[in-house]
């Protein structure tokens, strides 16, 4: 439904329809504003890693992923092999296949060109906004969802560009790149911990990362540790599923105190209702 705005003219209220682009912009605005500080930091770090402002802008448009761009900056500063960077980014961004599949039912009937454009503009945050709107607002359309993606992409790219220009005027200690990436992924882990299983697999992945990096003497150890830990988690979960009872009844899947447990997602509401 198109939003209606009131205007007071000549002592009476007149109704006028709000433009669709403005309505979508208001919905995307909190996301766009949240990108400014992170985008500035990302642009500064990419410049410190050797990117000029044009390359920074290009990467922010093509990659459009804060985690991936911080990872690129970190791996380049330690002279990681290009194959290690590509493989690590592949597995890091593989989650978008799952995110995109969950939105596919809302994009039925759209052209292949639209699907392609929607896919390359997708990231974690605009996915969350669009998924919530699709699930709660029956009038929300794919074109409006694409506008949310483009607004967020514009905000992120401009913030990266400005950050790169700021970085060119400042002297940045490259050690901060490693710290920023570590802090970013620790935050991502903490926000995903919902049960003991997630916590244990995260700890196992950390231990394996140290072991494999010592063994391989390269960042390829990070990729191997991620694959092994994920596979172990998959095997444990599959074994529990084959047994009697639900996953939630097993002690490994008991909830732990943390930010992820306090969030009320659509899936949580559906499970509660059922």
Protein backbone atom coordinates (compact mmCIF):
# COMPACT_ATOMS: atom_id res chain seq x y z
CA UNK A 1 0.00 0.00 0.00
CA UNK A 2 1.28 3.45 -0.89
CA UNK A 3 1.72 5.65 2.14
CA UNK A 4 -0.56 8.67 2.48
CA UNK A 5 0.74 12.01 3.75
CA UNK A 6 -1.42 14.78 5.22
CA UNK A 7 -0.97 18.42 4.27
CA UNK A 8 -2.82 21.35 5.83
CA UNK A 9 -3.91 23.86 3.19
CA UNK A 10 -6.54 26.58 3.56
CA UNK A 11 -7.79 25.24 6.88
CA UNK A 12 -8.46 21.73 5.54
CA UNK A 13 -6.45 18.54 5.37
CA UNK A 14 -5.68 17.27 1.89
CA UNK A 15 -4.55 13.73 1.19
CA UNK A 16 -1.73 13.10 -1.24
CA UNK A 17 0.07 9.95 -2.18
CA UNK A 18 3.71 9.68 -1.13
CA UNK A 19 6.06 8.76 -4.00
CA UNK A 20 7.09 5.12 -3.99
CA UNK A 21 10.81 5.95 -4.05
CA UNK A 22 10.44 8.11 -0.93
CA UNK A 23 8.46 5.48 0.93
CA UNK A 24 11.13 2.84 0.21
CA UNK A 25 13.89 5.30 1.11
CA UNK A 26 12.32 5.85 4.55
CA UNK A 27 12.30 2.09 5.11
CA UNK A 28 15.92 1.74 3.99
CA UNK A 29 17.18 4.88 5.74
CA UNK A 30 18.14 3.23 9.10
CA UNK A 31 20.19 0.68 7.16
CA UNK A 32 21.81 3.36 5.00
CA UNK A 33 22.76 5.45 8.03
CA UNK A 34 24.22 2.42 9.82
CA UNK A 35 26.55 1.85 6.86
CA UNK A 36 28.23 5.24 7.18
CA UNK A 37 30.64 4.56 10.11
CA UNK A 38 31.45 0.99 9.01
CA UNK A 39 31.84 2.07 5.38
CA UNK A 40 34.19 4.89 6.35
CA UNK A 41 36.32 2.48 8.39
CA UNK A 42 36.34 -0.05 5.55
CA UNK A 43 37.41 2.58 3.03
CA UNK A 44 40.24 3.75 5.29
CA UNK A 45 41.48 0.17 5.81
CA UNK A 46 41.31 -0.67 2.10
CA UNK A 47 43.36 2.43 1.34
CA UNK A 48 45.87 1.36 3.97
CA UNK A 49 46.05 -2.04 2.25
CA UNK A 50 47.02 -0.39 -1.06
CA UNK A 51 43.72 0.45 -2.79
CA UNK A 52 43.29 3.89 -4.33
CA UNK A 53 39.90 5.57 -4.15
CA UNK A 54 38.78 4.25 -7.57
CA UNK A 55 39.64 0.64 -6.70
CA UNK A 56 37.96 1.06 -3.31
CA UNK A 57 34.78 2.26 -5.01
CA UNK A 58 34.94 -0.60 -7.52
CA UNK A 59 35.41 -3.23 -4.80
CA UNK A 60 32.58 -1.80 -2.70
CA UNK A 61 30.22 -2.07 -5.70
CA UNK A 62 31.34 -5.47 -6.98
CA UNK A 63 31.86 -7.24 -3.64
CA UNK A 64 29.35 -5.28 -1.51
CA UNK A 65 30.16 -7.18 1.67
CA UNK A 66 31.73 -5.63 4.72
CA UNK A 67 33.13 -8.92 6.01
CA UNK A 68 34.63 -9.80 2.63
CA UNK A 69 36.18 -6.36 2.15
CA UNK A 70 37.70 -6.35 5.63
CA UNK A 71 39.02 -9.83 4.87
CA UNK A 72 40.56 -8.66 1.58
CA UNK A 73 42.31 -5.80 3.37
CA UNK A 74 43.62 -8.12 6.10
CA UNK A 75 44.92 -10.83 3.77
CA UNK A 76 46.59 -8.36 1.43
CA UNK A 77 48.49 -6.72 4.27
CA UNK A 78 50.07 -10.09 5.17
CA UNK A 79 50.82 -10.86 1.50
CA UNK A 80 48.53 -13.89 1.39
CA UNK A 81 48.49 -15.89 -1.89
CA UNK A 82 45.76 -14.83 -4.30
CA UNK A 83 44.36 -18.38 -4.43
CA UNK A 84 44.00 -18.34 -0.64
CA UNK A 85 42.13 -15.04 -0.79
CA UNK A 86 39.78 -16.27 -3.54
CA UNK A 87 39.00 -19.58 -1.80
CA UNK A 88 38.45 -17.90 1.56
CA UNK A 89 36.10 -15.35 0.01
CA UNK A 90 34.22 -18.10 -1.81
CA UNK A 91 33.39 -19.96 1.39
CA UNK A 92 32.72 -16.75 3.31
CA UNK A 93 30.20 -15.58 0.72
CA UNK A 94 28.65 -19.00 0.13
CA UNK A 95 25.93 -18.13 2.67
CA UNK A 96 24.29 -15.89 0.07
CA UNK A 97 23.14 -19.00 -1.78
CA UNK A 98 21.00 -19.84 1.26
CA UNK A 99 19.81 -16.26 1.74
CA UNK A 100 18.85 -15.95 -1.92
CA UNK A 101 16.99 -19.26 -1.93
CA UNK A 102 14.82 -18.14 0.98
CA UNK A 103 13.73 -15.09 -1.04
CA UNK A 104 13.15 -16.97 -4.29
CA UNK A 105 9.47 -17.65 -3.59
CA UNK A 106 8.85 -13.91 -3.41
CA UNK A 107 10.51 -13.31 -6.79
CA UNK A 108 8.47 -15.69 -8.91
CA UNK A 109 7.55 -14.35 -12.33
CA UNK A 110 10.49 -11.94 -12.51
CA UNK A 111 12.80 -11.89 -15.53
CA UNK A 112 16.26 -13.44 -15.49
CA UNK A 113 17.76 -9.96 -15.81
CA UNK A 114 15.88 -8.84 -12.70
CA UNK A 115 16.95 -11.95 -10.77
CA UNK A 116 20.58 -11.33 -11.73
CA UNK A 117 20.41 -7.67 -10.72
CA UNK A 118 18.72 -8.59 -7.44
CA UNK A 119 21.30 -11.27 -6.67
CA UNK A 120 24.39 -9.12 -7.21
CA UNK A 121 22.93 -6.40 -4.96
CA UNK A 122 22.06 -8.77 -2.09
CA UNK A 123 23.85 -8.63 1.24
CA UNK A 124 23.08 -9.63 4.83
CA UNK A 125 21.49 -6.39 5.95
CA UNK A 126 19.23 -5.60 3.00
CA UNK A 127 18.25 -9.27 2.98
CA UNK A 128 17.01 -8.89 6.56
CA UNK A 129 14.99 -5.78 5.67
CA UNK A 130 13.43 -7.35 2.57
CA UNK A 131 12.72 -10.71 4.17
CA UNK A 132 10.90 -9.02 7.03
CA UNK A 133 8.89 -6.86 4.62
CA UNK A 134 7.98 -9.80 2.37
CA UNK A 135 6.93 -11.86 5.39
CA UNK A 136 4.85 -9.14 7.05
CA UNK A 137 3.63 -6.91 4.22
CA UNK A 138 1.67 -8.55 1.40
CA UNK A 139 1.92 -5.39 -0.71
CA UNK A 140 5.73 -5.39 -0.68
CA UNK A 141 6.93 -5.93 -4.26
CA UNK A 142 10.20 -7.26 -5.76
CA UNK A 143 10.85 -3.85 -7.33
CA UNK A 144 10.62 -2.18 -3.93
CA UNK A 145 12.98 -4.83 -2.53
CA UNK A 146 15.44 -4.05 -5.33
CA UNK A 147 15.22 -0.36 -4.46
CA UNK A 148 16.18 -1.18 -0.86
CA UNK A 149 19.24 -3.03 -2.18
CA UNK A 150 20.25 -0.13 -4.41
CA UNK A 151 19.80 2.45 -1.66
CA UNK A 152 21.99 0.38 0.67
CA UNK A 153 24.57 -0.19 -2.10
CA UNK A 154 24.73 3.54 -2.80
CA UNK A 155 25.17 4.38 0.88
CA UNK A 156 27.86 1.73 1.35
CA UNK A 157 29.80 2.70 -1.79
CA UNK A 158 29.78 6.41 -1.00
CA UNK A 159 30.92 5.73 2.59
CA UNK A 160 33.76 3.53 1.27
CA UNK A 161 34.79 6.20 -1.22
CA UNK A 162 34.86 8.94 1.41
CA UNK A 163 36.73 6.62 3.77
CA UNK A 164 39.37 6.02 1.11
CA UNK A 165 39.78 9.77 0.55
CA UNK A 166 40.13 10.27 4.30
CA UNK A 167 42.67 7.45 4.42
CA UNK A 168 44.78 9.16 1.75
CA UNK A 169 45.14 12.16 4.08
CA UNK A 170 45.96 10.08 7.18
CA UNK A 171 48.74 7.74 8.20
CA UNK A 172 47.17 4.43 9.21
CA UNK A 173 49.00 1.74 11.17
CA UNK A 174 48.39 -1.50 9.25
CA UNK A 175 48.17 -3.48 12.50
CA UNK A 176 44.70 -2.00 12.98
CA UNK A 177 43.51 -3.96 9.93
CA UNK A 178 44.04 -7.30 11.68
CA UNK A 179 42.38 -5.97 14.82
CA UNK A 180 39.35 -4.67 12.92
CA UNK A 181 38.86 -7.96 11.09
CA UNK A 182 39.22 -9.99 14.29
CA UNK A 183 36.71 -7.77 16.10
CA UNK A 184 34.26 -7.99 13.18
CA UNK A 185 34.26 -11.79 13.05
CA UNK A 186 34.12 -12.16 16.84
CA UNK A 187 31.00 -10.02 16.74
CA UNK A 188 29.53 -12.17 13.96
CA UNK A 189 30.22 -15.35 15.96
CA UNK A 190 28.74 -14.00 19.18
CA UNK A 191 25.57 -12.88 17.39
CA UNK A 192 25.10 -16.38 15.93
CA UNK A 193 25.59 -18.42 19.10
CA UNK A 194 22.17 -19.79 20.03
CA UNK A 195 23.05 -23.16 21.56
CA UNK A 196 25.93 -25.26 22.90
CA UNK A 197 26.45 -26.89 19.50
CA UNK A 198 27.21 -23.55 17.82
CA UNK A 199 29.53 -22.59 20.67
CA UNK A 200 31.47 -25.88 20.57
CA UNK A 201 31.84 -25.84 16.78
CA UNK A 202 33.08 -22.24 16.95
CA UNK A 203 35.70 -23.19 19.53
CA UNK A 204 36.68 -26.26 17.51
CA UNK A 205 37.05 -24.13 14.39
CA UNK A 206 39.37 -21.76 16.28
CA UNK A 207 41.58 -24.59 17.53
CA UNK A 208 41.70 -26.20 14.08
CA UNK A 209 42.55 -22.83 12.50
CA UNK A 210 45.65 -22.52 14.67
CA UNK A 211 46.66 -26.13 13.97
CA UNK A 212 46.15 -25.93 10.21
CA UNK A 213 47.86 -22.54 9.88
CA UNK A 214 50.91 -23.91 11.71
CA UNK A 215 50.83 -26.97 9.46
CA UNK A 216 50.25 -25.19 6.13
CA UNK A 217 52.11 -22.01 7.10
CA UNK A 218 49.53 -19.99 5.14
CA UNK A 219 46.01 -18.59 5.47
CA UNK A 220 44.77 -21.64 3.57
CA UNK A 221 44.60 -23.20 7.02
CA UNK A 222 41.60 -20.97 7.75
CA UNK A 223 39.72 -22.48 4.84
CA UNK A 224 40.60 -26.04 5.87
CA UNK A 225 39.59 -25.44 9.49
CA UNK A 226 36.24 -23.99 8.40
CA UNK A 227 35.51 -26.97 6.16
CA UNK A 228 36.52 -29.58 8.75
CA UNK A 229 34.63 -27.91 11.62
CA UNK A 230 31.51 -27.47 9.48
CA UNK A 231 31.65 -31.09 8.35
CA UNK A 232 32.01 -32.31 11.93
CA UNK A 233 29.03 -30.19 12.96
CA UNK A 234 27.02 -31.61 10.07
CA UNK A 235 27.88 -35.21 11.04
CA UNK A 236 26.96 -34.64 14.69
CA UNK A 237 23.65 -33.01 13.78
CA UNK A 238 22.84 -35.76 11.25
CA UNK A 239 23.55 -38.46 13.84
CA UNK A 240 21.30 -36.78 16.39
CA UNK A 241 18.52 -36.44 13.81
CA UNK A 242 18.66 -40.16 13.12
CA UNK A 243 18.05 -40.87 16.78
CA UNK A 244 14.76 -40.44 18.56
CA UNK A 245 13.53 -37.06 19.71
CA UNK A 246 13.95 -33.52 18.49
CA UNK A 247 17.19 -31.59 18.16
CA UNK A 248 15.97 -29.07 20.74
CA UNK A 249 15.71 -31.90 23.30
CA UNK A 250 19.39 -32.80 23.02
CA UNK A 251 21.77 -31.15 25.49
CA UNK A 252 24.01 -29.96 22.65
CA UNK A 253 21.19 -27.84 21.31
CA UNK A 254 20.24 -26.36 24.64
CA UNK A 255 20.13 -22.56 24.57
CA UNK A 256 22.93 -20.47 26.00
CA UNK A 257 22.71 -16.92 27.24
CA UNK A 258 23.66 -14.46 24.52
CA UNK A 259 22.42 -11.83 22.05
CA UNK A 260 21.28 -14.42 19.53
CA UNK A 261 18.89 -16.01 22.02
CA UNK A 262 17.17 -12.72 22.84
CA UNK A 263 16.33 -11.96 19.21
CA UNK A 264 12.79 -12.73 18.07
CA UNK A 265 12.94 -13.94 14.51
CA UNK A 266 10.12 -14.93 12.21
CA UNK A 267 11.16 -18.54 12.55
CA UNK A 268 10.93 -18.26 16.34
CA UNK A 269 7.40 -16.88 16.09
CA UNK A 270 6.32 -19.64 13.72
CA UNK A 271 7.72 -22.36 15.98
CA UNK A 272 5.99 -20.80 18.96
CA UNK A 273 2.66 -20.67 17.17
CA UNK A 274 2.93 -24.25 15.98
